[in-house]
C-alpha atoms as a PDB file:
ATOM      1  CA  MET A   1       1.262  28.940  26.167  1.00  0.00           C
ATOM      2  CA  ALA A   2       4.701  29.260  24.751  1.00  0.00           C
ATOM      3  CA  THR A   3       5.864  32.558  22.891  1.00  0.00           C
ATOM      4  CA  LEU A   4       7.485  31.092  19.620  1.00  0.00           C
ATOM      5  CA  ASN A   5      10.317  32.734  17.673  1.00  0.00           C
ATOM      6  CA  LEU A   6       9.158  32.835  14.435  1.00  0.00           C
ATOM      7  CA  MET A   7      11.311  33.226  11.283  1.00  0.00           C
ATOM      8  CA  ARG A   8       9.914  34.636   8.255  1.00  0.00           C
ATOM      9  CA  TRP A   9      10.904  35.242   4.540  1.00  0.00           C
ATOM     10  CA  GLY A  10       8.800  37.079   1.783  1.00  0.00           C
ATOM     11  CA  ASP A  11       6.776  39.685   2.170  1.00  0.00           C
ATOM     12  CA  ARG A  12       3.908  40.013   5.163  1.00  0.00           C
ATOM     13  CA  ASP A  13       1.461  40.663   2.126  1.00  0.00           C
ATOM     14  CA  ALA A  14       2.435  38.191  -0.481  1.00  0.00           C
ATOM     15  CA  PRO A  15      -0.381  36.476  -2.084  1.00  0.00           C
ATOM     16  CA  LYS A  16       0.201  32.933  -0.622  1.00  0.00           C
ATOM     17  CA  THR A  17       1.578  31.699   2.756  1.00  0.00           C
ATOM     18  CA  VAL A  18       3.191  28.675   3.936  1.00  0.00           C
ATOM     19  CA  VAL A  19       4.011  27.632   7.697  1.00  0.00           C
ATOM     20  CA  ALA A  20       5.910  25.165   8.377  1.00  0.00           C
ATOM     21  CA  LEU A  21       6.483  22.794  11.406  1.00  0.00           C
ATOM     22  CA  HIS A  22      10.025  21.649  11.797  1.00  0.00           C
ATOM     23  CA  GLY A  23      11.200  17.856  13.079  1.00  0.00           C
ATOM     24  CA  ILE A  24      12.225  17.163  16.355  1.00  0.00           C
ATOM     25  CA  THR A  25      15.889  18.738  18.007  1.00  0.00           C
ATOM     26  CA  ALA A  26      15.795  21.188  15.112  1.00  0.00           C
ATOM     27  CA  ASN A  27      14.491  24.338  14.540  1.00  0.00           C
ATOM     28  CA  ALA A  28      13.142  26.847  11.928  1.00  0.00           C
ATOM     29  CA  GLY A  29      16.419  27.376  10.064  1.00  0.00           C
ATOM     30  CA  ALA A  30      15.890  24.138   9.137  1.00  0.00           C
ATOM     31  CA  MET A  31      13.329  25.303   6.643  1.00  0.00           C
ATOM     32  CA  THR A  32      15.637  27.899   5.093  1.00  0.00           C
ATOM     33  CA  GLU A  33      16.841  26.409   1.564  1.00  0.00           C
ATOM     34  CA  PRO A  34      13.048  25.958   0.473  1.00  0.00           C
ATOM     35  CA  ALA A  35      11.939  29.543   2.276  1.00  0.00           C
ATOM     36  CA  ARG A  36      14.397  31.416   0.564  1.00  0.00           C
ATOM     37  CA  LEU A  37      13.460  29.980  -2.667  1.00  0.00           C
ATOM     38  CA  LEU A  38       9.778  30.056  -2.334  1.00  0.00           C
ATOM     39  CA  ALA A  39      10.130  34.088  -0.752  1.00  0.00           C
ATOM     40  CA  ALA A  40      11.944  34.759  -4.020  1.00  0.00           C
ATOM     41  CA  ARG A  41       8.651  32.950  -6.064  1.00  0.00           C
ATOM     42  CA  GLY A  42       6.906  35.642  -4.090  1.00  0.00           C
ATOM     43  CA  TRP A  43       5.707  33.467  -1.233  1.00  0.00           C
ATOM     44  CA  GLN A  44       5.362  34.184   2.622  1.00  0.00           C
ATOM     45  CA  PHE A  45       6.832  31.242   4.352  1.00  0.00           C
ATOM     46  CA  ILE A  46       6.542  30.925   8.326  1.00  0.00           C
ATOM     47  CA  ALA A  47       8.455  28.732  10.640  1.00  0.00           C
ATOM     48  CA  PRO A  48       8.199  28.390  14.428  1.00  0.00           C
ATOM     49  CA  ASP A  49      10.920  27.425  16.063  1.00  0.00           C
ATOM     50  CA  MET A  50       8.926  24.768  18.299  1.00  0.00           C
ATOM     51  CA  ARG A  51       8.728  25.307  22.610  1.00  0.00           C
ATOM     52  CA  GLY A  52      11.773  24.095  23.911  1.00  0.00           C
ATOM     53  CA  HIS A  53      13.556  24.266  20.442  1.00  0.00           C
ATOM     54  CA  GLY A  54      15.775  26.806  18.923  1.00  0.00           C
ATOM     55  CA  GLU A  55      14.826  30.097  20.409  1.00  0.00           C
ATOM     56  CA  SER A  56      11.544  29.825  21.512  1.00  0.00           C
ATOM     57  CA  SER A  57      10.938  28.713  25.413  1.00  0.00           C
ATOM     58  CA  ARG A  58      10.180  25.799  27.183  1.00  0.00           C
ATOM     59  CA  ALA A  59       7.576  27.366  28.852  1.00  0.00           C
ATOM     60  CA  ASP A  60       6.324  25.367  31.888  1.00  0.00           C
ATOM     61  CA  GLY A  61       8.253  22.191  30.462  1.00  0.00           C
ATOM     62  CA  ASP A  62       4.955  20.417  29.236  1.00  0.00           C
ATOM     63  CA  PHE A  63       5.715  18.926  25.942  1.00  0.00           C
ATOM     64  CA  SER A  64       2.862  17.278  25.535  1.00  0.00           C
ATOM     65  CA  PHE A  65       0.736  17.404  22.290  1.00  0.00           C
ATOM     66  CA  THR A  66      -2.399  19.260  23.504  1.00  0.00           C
ATOM     67  CA  ARG A  67       0.565  22.084  24.581  1.00  0.00           C
ATOM     68  CA  LEU A  68       2.931  21.950  21.273  1.00  0.00           C
ATOM     69  CA  LEU A  69      -0.644  22.633  19.354  1.00  0.00           C
ATOM     70  CA  ALA A  70      -2.045  25.589  21.725  1.00  0.00           C
ATOM     71  CA  ASP A  71       1.497  27.307  21.187  1.00  0.00           C
ATOM     72  CA  PHE A  72       0.953  27.488  17.014  1.00  0.00           C
ATOM     73  CA  VAL A  73      -2.671  28.230  17.798  1.00  0.00           C
ATOM     74  CA  GLU A  74      -1.176  31.788  19.529  1.00  0.00           C
ATOM     75  CA  ASN A  75       1.705  32.405  17.569  1.00  0.00           C
ATOM     76  CA  VAL A  76       1.445  31.296  13.645  1.00  0.00           C
ATOM     77  CA  PRO A  77      -1.480  31.433  11.035  1.00  0.00           C
ATOM     78  CA  THR A  78      -3.482  28.688  10.910  1.00  0.00           C
ATOM     79  CA  ASP A  79      -5.189  28.815   8.056  1.00  0.00           C
ATOM     80  CA  PRO A  80      -1.959  28.857   5.447  1.00  0.00           C
ATOM     81  CA  ASP A  81      -2.137  27.955   1.910  1.00  0.00           C
ATOM     82  CA  VAL A  82       0.145  25.408   2.535  1.00  0.00           C
ATOM     83  CA  LEU A  83       1.052  23.701   5.553  1.00  0.00           C
ATOM     84  CA  ILE A  84       4.358  21.613   6.183  1.00  0.00           C
ATOM     85  CA  GLY A  85       5.105  18.943   8.796  1.00  0.00           C
ATOM     86  CA  HIS A  86       8.669  17.376   8.174  1.00  0.00           C
ATOM     87  CA  SER A  87       9.224  14.472  10.955  1.00  0.00           C
ATOM     88  CA  PHE A  88       7.662  14.901  14.276  1.00  0.00           C
ATOM     89  CA  GLY A  89       5.971  18.138  12.950  1.00  0.00           C
ATOM     90  CA  GLY A  90       4.358  15.850  10.269  1.00  0.00           C
ATOM     91  CA  ALA A  91       2.615  13.941  13.513  1.00  0.00           C
ATOM     92  CA  LEU A  92       1.696  17.711  14.468  1.00  0.00           C
ATOM     93  CA  ALA A  93       0.415  18.875  11.597  1.00  0.00           C
ATOM     94  CA  GLN A  94      -1.934  15.618  11.110  1.00  0.00           C
ATOM     95  CA  LEU A  95      -2.934  15.833  14.814  1.00  0.00           C
ATOM     96  CA  GLY A  96      -3.702  20.417  13.647  1.00  0.00           C
ATOM     97  CA  VAL A  97      -5.759  19.061  10.989  1.00  0.00           C
ATOM     98  CA  LEU A  98      -7.668  16.038  12.790  1.00  0.00           C
ATOM     99  CA  SER A  99      -8.162  18.928  15.994  1.00  0.00           C
ATOM    100  CA  GLY A 100      -9.009  21.314  13.645  1.00  0.00           C
ATOM    101  CA  ASP A 101      -6.292  23.288  14.884  1.00  0.00           C
ATOM    102  CA  PHE A 102      -5.226  23.827  11.453  1.00  0.00           C
ATOM    103  CA  ARG A 103      -7.149  24.698   8.591  1.00  0.00           C
ATOM    104  CA  PRO A 104      -4.954  24.987   5.656  1.00  0.00           C
ATOM    105  CA  LYS A 105      -5.853  24.999   1.972  1.00  0.00           C
ATOM    106  CA  ALA A 106      -3.205  22.376   1.666  1.00  0.00           C
ATOM    107  CA  LEU A 107      -0.997  19.872   3.682  1.00  0.00           C
ATOM    108  CA  LEU A 108       2.315  18.642   2.386  1.00  0.00           C
ATOM    109  CA  LEU A 109       3.437  16.065   5.244  1.00  0.00           C
ATOM    110  CA  GLU A 110       7.469  15.395   4.719  1.00  0.00           C
ATOM    111  CA  ASP A 111       8.543  12.148   5.719  1.00  0.00           C
ATOM    112  CA  PRO A 112       5.945  11.983   8.884  1.00  0.00           C
ATOM    113  CA  VAL A 113       6.497  10.191  11.952  1.00  0.00           C
ATOM    114  CA  SER A 114       2.923   8.936  12.167  1.00  0.00           C
ATOM    115  CA  HIS A 115       3.162   6.212  14.165  1.00  0.00           C
ATOM    116  CA  PHE A 116       5.240   5.207  17.137  1.00  0.00           C
ATOM    117  CA  ALA A 117       4.317   1.601  18.723  1.00  0.00           C
ATOM    118  CA  ASP A 118       6.217   2.480  22.095  1.00  0.00           C
ATOM    119  CA  LYS A 119       8.297   4.928  24.323  1.00  0.00           C
ATOM    120  CA  ALA A 120      11.311   3.014  24.107  1.00  0.00           C
ATOM    121  CA  THR A 121      11.886   3.463  20.096  1.00  0.00           C
ATOM    122  CA  PRO A 122      11.715   7.423  20.416  1.00  0.00           C
ATOM    123  CA  LYS A 123      13.918   7.309  23.105  1.00  0.00           C
ATOM    124  CA  ALA A 124      16.725   5.094  21.707  1.00  0.00           C
ATOM    125  CA  MET A 125      16.805   7.597  18.818  1.00  0.00           C
ATOM    126  CA  LEU A 126      17.187  10.398  20.720  1.00  0.00           C
ATOM    127  CA  ASP A 127      19.674   8.852  22.952  1.00  0.00           C
ATOM    128  CA  TRP A 128      21.915   7.634  19.843  1.00  0.00           C
ATOM    129  CA  ASP A 129      21.600  11.558  18.562  1.00  0.00           C
ATOM    130  CA  GLU A 130      22.867  13.156  21.343  1.00  0.00           C
ATOM    131  CA  ALA A 131      25.921  10.875  21.792  1.00  0.00           C
ATOM    132  CA  ASN A 132      26.554  10.469  18.058  1.00  0.00           C
ATOM    133  CA  LEU A 133      25.155  13.365  15.539  1.00  0.00           C
ATOM    134  CA  PRO A 134      28.617  15.358  14.847  1.00  0.00           C
ATOM    135  CA  ARG A 135      28.659  19.006  16.131  1.00  0.00           C
ATOM    136  CA  GLY A 136      30.550  20.331  13.056  1.00  0.00           C
ATOM    137  CA  ILE A 137      29.787  21.816   9.997  1.00  0.00           C
ATOM    138  CA  ASP A 138      31.881  19.388   8.056  1.00  0.00           C
ATOM    139  CA  GLY A 139      30.841  15.922   9.889  1.00  0.00           C
ATOM    140  CA  LEU A 140      27.255  17.240   9.176  1.00  0.00           C
ATOM    141  CA  LEU A 141      28.035  17.486   5.311  1.00  0.00           C
ATOM    142  CA  GLU A 142      29.791  14.173   5.309  1.00  0.00           C
ATOM    143  CA  LEU A 143      26.868  12.612   6.742  1.00  0.00           C
ATOM    144  CA  ASN A 144      24.259  14.226   4.587  1.00  0.00           C
ATOM    145  CA  PRO A 145      26.093  15.055   1.505  1.00  0.00           C
ATOM    146  CA  GLY A 146      23.206  16.302  -0.054  1.00  0.00           C
ATOM    147  CA  TRP A 147      22.812  19.611   2.248  1.00  0.00           C
ATOM    148  CA  SER A 148      24.005  23.036   1.870  1.00  0.00           C
ATOM    149  CA  ARG A 149      26.561  24.640   4.405  1.00  0.00           C
ATOM    150  CA  ARG A 150      23.839  27.060   5.291  1.00  0.00           C
ATOM    151  CA  ASP A 151      21.770  23.512   6.223  1.00  0.00           C
ATOM    152  CA  ALA A 152      24.434  22.390   8.215  1.00  0.00           C
ATOM    153  CA  ALA A 153      24.961  25.675   9.716  1.00  0.00           C
ATOM    154  CA  TRP A 154      21.150  25.536  11.301  1.00  0.00           C
ATOM    155  CA  LYS A 155      21.732  21.689  12.338  1.00  0.00           C
ATOM    156  CA  LEU A 156      24.363  22.396  14.427  1.00  0.00           C
ATOM    157  CA  LEU A 157      22.626  25.722  16.036  1.00  0.00           C
ATOM    158  CA  SER A 158      19.841  23.947  17.001  1.00  0.00           C
ATOM    159  CA  LEU A 159      21.840  21.078  18.497  1.00  0.00           C
ATOM    160  CA  GLU A 160      23.718  23.580  20.879  1.00  0.00           C
ATOM    161  CA  GLN A 161      19.640  25.470  21.615  1.00  0.00           C
ATOM    162  CA  ILE A 162      18.000  21.747  22.384  1.00  0.00           C
ATOM    163  CA  ASP A 163      18.080  20.252  26.049  1.00  0.00           C
ATOM    164  CA  PHE A 164      17.772  16.361  24.817  1.00  0.00           C
ATOM    165  CA  ASP A 165      15.465  15.842  27.854  1.00  0.00           C
ATOM    166  CA  ASP A 166      12.671  18.515  26.517  1.00  0.00           C
ATOM    167  CA  ALA A 167      13.466  16.725  23.334  1.00  0.00           C
ATOM    168  CA  ARG A 168      12.599  13.213  24.762  1.00  0.00           C
ATOM    169  CA  ALA A 169       9.730  14.649  26.697  1.00  0.00           C
ATOM    170  CA  ALA A 170       8.295  15.818  23.347  1.00  0.00           C
ATOM    171  CA  PHE A 171       9.258  12.814  21.207  1.00  0.00           C
ATOM    172  CA  SER A 172       8.880   9.767  23.659  1.00  0.00           C
ATOM    173  CA  ASP A 173       6.827  11.269  26.224  1.00  0.00           C
ATOM    174  CA  ASN A 174       3.743  11.180  23.774  1.00  0.00           C
ATOM    175  CA  ALA A 175       4.159   7.287  22.369  1.00  0.00           C
ATOM    176  CA  PRO A 176       2.933   5.414  21.489  1.00  0.00           C
ATOM    177  CA  TRP A 177       0.443   7.275  19.142  1.00  0.00           C
ATOM    178  CA  ASP A 178      -0.803   5.568  15.994  1.00  0.00           C
ATOM    179  CA  LEU A 179      -1.865   8.513  12.943  1.00  0.00           C
ATOM    180  CA  ARG A 180      -2.186   5.957  10.109  1.00  0.00           C
ATOM    181  CA  PRO A 181      -5.551   4.925   9.968  1.00  0.00           C
ATOM    182  CA  HIS A 182      -6.615   8.643   9.719  1.00  0.00           C
ATOM    183  CA  ALA A 183      -4.879   9.441   6.376  1.00  0.00           C
ATOM    184  CA  ALA A 184      -7.721   8.758   4.632  1.00  0.00           C
ATOM    185  CA  GLU A 185      -9.615  11.223   6.511  1.00  0.00           C
ATOM    186  CA  ILE A 186      -7.026  13.771   6.146  1.00  0.00           C
ATOM    187  CA  ALA A 187      -7.022  13.519   2.332  1.00  0.00           C
ATOM    188  CA  ALA A 188     -10.673  13.718   2.014  1.00  0.00           C
ATOM    189  CA  ARG A 189     -10.506  16.714   3.964  1.00  0.00           C
ATOM    190  CA  LEU A 190      -8.188  19.011   2.278  1.00  0.00           C
ATOM    191  CA  PRO A 191      -5.335  17.863  -0.566  1.00  0.00           C
ATOM    192  CA  THR A 192      -2.574  15.900   1.181  1.00  0.00           C
ATOM    193  CA  VAL A 193       0.677  15.054  -0.027  1.00  0.00           C
ATOM    194  CA  TRP A 194       3.051  12.721   1.714  1.00  0.00           C
ATOM    195  CA  VAL A 195       6.605  13.201   0.315  1.00  0.00           C
ATOM    196  CA  LEU A 196       8.712  10.390   1.308  1.00  0.00           C
ATOM    197  CA  PRO A 197      12.387   8.336   0.926  1.00  0.00           C
ATOM    198  CA  GLU A 198      12.458   5.762  -0.980  1.00  0.00           C
ATOM    199  CA  GLN A 199      13.924   4.159   2.326  1.00  0.00           C
ATOM    200  CA  SER A 200      12.374   5.674   5.801  1.00  0.00           C
ATOM    201  CA  ARG A 201      12.470   4.774   9.079  1.00  0.00           C
ATOM    202  CA  PHE A 202       9.326   6.109   9.533  1.00  0.00           C
ATOM    203  CA  VAL A 203       7.143   5.056   6.845  1.00  0.00           C
ATOM    204  CA  PRO A 204       8.360   1.451   5.544  1.00  0.00           C
ATOM    205  CA  PRO A 205       6.969  -0.050   2.425  1.00  0.00           C
ATOM    206  CA  GLU A 206       3.772  -1.135   3.382  1.00  0.00           C
ATOM    207  CA  ASP A 207       2.782   1.884   5.025  1.00  0.00           C
ATOM    208  CA  ILE A 208       3.661   3.517   1.697  1.00  0.00           C
ATOM    209  CA  ALA A 209       1.074   0.912   0.294  1.00  0.00           C
ATOM    210  CA  ARG A 210      -1.512   1.292   2.756  1.00  0.00           C
ATOM    211  CA  LEU A 211      -1.227   5.384   2.370  1.00  0.00           C
ATOM    212  CA  ARG A 212      -1.393   4.230  -1.937  1.00  0.00           C
ATOM    213  CA  ARG A 213      -5.076   2.788  -1.215  1.00  0.00           C
ATOM    214  CA  GLU A 214      -6.248   4.655   0.814  1.00  0.00           C
ATOM    215  CA  ALA A 215      -5.343   8.488   0.256  1.00  0.00           C
ATOM    216  CA  GLY A 216      -4.540   7.754  -3.439  1.00  0.00           C
ATOM    217  CA  GLU A 217      -1.553   7.297  -5.816  1.00  0.00           C
ATOM    218  CA  ARG A 218      -1.300  11.289  -6.843  1.00  0.00           C
ATOM    219  CA  SER A 219      -1.314  12.212  -2.628  1.00  0.00           C
ATOM    220  CA  VAL A 220       1.978   9.498  -2.254  1.00  0.00           C
ATOM    221  CA  VAL A 221       5.521  10.941  -3.581  1.00  0.00           C
ATOM    222  CA  VAL A 222       8.518   8.919  -3.074  1.00  0.00           C
ATOM    223  CA  MET A 223      12.005  10.387  -3.981  1.00  0.00           C
ATOM    224  CA  PRO A 224      15.029   8.385  -4.964  1.00  0.00           C
ATOM    225  CA  GLY A 225      18.263   9.575  -3.100  1.00  0.00           C
ATOM    226  CA  VAL A 226      17.053  11.543  -0.993  1.00  0.00           C
ATOM    227  CA  GLY A 227      17.032  11.177   2.834  1.00  0.00           C
ATOM    228  CA  HIS A 228      14.852  11.955   5.605  1.00  0.00           C
ATOM    229  CA  SER A 229      15.156  15.769   4.949  1.00  0.00           C
ATOM    230  CA  ILE A 230      13.809  15.822   1.584  1.00  0.00           C
ATOM    231  CA  HIS A 231      13.442  19.917   1.622  1.00  0.00           C
ATOM    232  CA  ARG A 232      17.427  19.711   2.282  1.00  0.00           C
ATOM    233  CA  ASP A 233      18.342  17.102  -0.277  1.00  0.00           C
ATOM    234  CA  ALA A 234      16.005  17.825  -3.255  1.00  0.00           C
ATOM    235  CA  THR A 235      14.869  21.450  -2.595  1.00  0.00           C
ATOM    236  CA  GLU A 236      13.821  22.447  -5.920  1.00  0.00           C
ATOM    237  CA  ALA A 237      11.494  19.140  -6.439  1.00  0.00           C
ATOM    238  CA  PHE A 238      10.320  19.845  -2.829  1.00  0.00           C
ATOM    239  CA  VAL A 239       9.695  23.271  -3.546  1.00  0.00           C
ATOM    240  CA  ASP A 240       7.635  22.555  -6.842  1.00  0.00           C
ATOM    241  CA  ILE A 241       5.071  20.592  -5.295  1.00  0.00           C
ATOM    242  CA  VAL A 242       4.294  23.708  -2.853  1.00  0.00           C
ATOM    243  CA  GLU A 243       3.815  25.651  -5.824  1.00  0.00           C
ATOM    244  CA  LYS A 244       1.657  23.366  -7.377  1.00  0.00           C
ATOM    245  CA  LEU A 245      -0.480  22.298  -3.944  1.00  0.00           C
ATOM    246  CA  GLY A 246      -0.542  26.356  -3.223  1.00  0.00           C
ATOM    247  CA  ALA A 247      -1.746  26.850  -6.773  1.00  0.00           C
ATOM    248  CA  ARG A 248      -4.695  23.800  -6.632  1.00  0.00           C
ATOM    249  CA  THR A 249      -2.756  22.247  -9.674  1.00  0.00           C
ATOM    250  CA  TRP A 250      -1.201  19.255  -8.273  1.00  0.00           C
ATOM    251  CA  PHE A 251      -4.434  17.240  -8.451  1.00  0.00           C
ATOM    252  CA  GLY A 252      -5.562  18.998 -11.369  1.00  0.00           C
ATOM    253  CA  GLN A 253      -7.961  21.349  -9.094  1.00  0.00           C
END
């Protein structure tokens, strides 16, 4: 197992706990803005650096789903009040719930990568990022105008920390996968919300329609004017959903 670097916000004895799984090439600091806000409202927020990301080690170099989930089991609470999975972290969160490795009281899936039909597509995405993503705060803010400077700084650091070959091993080598048929099962197990941008590379309109049919209208939130990192582009609205899930009021429980 890898010993994962953790970031924590809020008091350790806070009545409610969030665990957040970041996306590929990111780090725990990607969750800073919602974490700071939730900590100020009395929550404990825990975010691990995934194996090979941030300040976590690459361990034995095995980036299989099995190893990535085993790392989380060894390093973070597996029964938080709310589990957040962003992007690739959303795939891992779903897999963890389905396997029983995670047993959260509620689940928030933020533009999750629930499906890749082949290895070539995720590899091409990472190849483009490696070659083209800005390596400066101002360039990252130009590309992502809804982010704070703190968001851009954490993204810049994560790009300095990551070895893109490790990222490809996680993102490409695990493909293909398809978690879409399990959406209804996940939603039946625990309160689950998919939070999505209007235009998503990972959840196209036909998949949104399928989610609404199979998981329910209240389980799908499509936000206007945001990109892939909704927790950065619309932090207050994102945190509002987390709080309502944690308080069990989102679905009127």
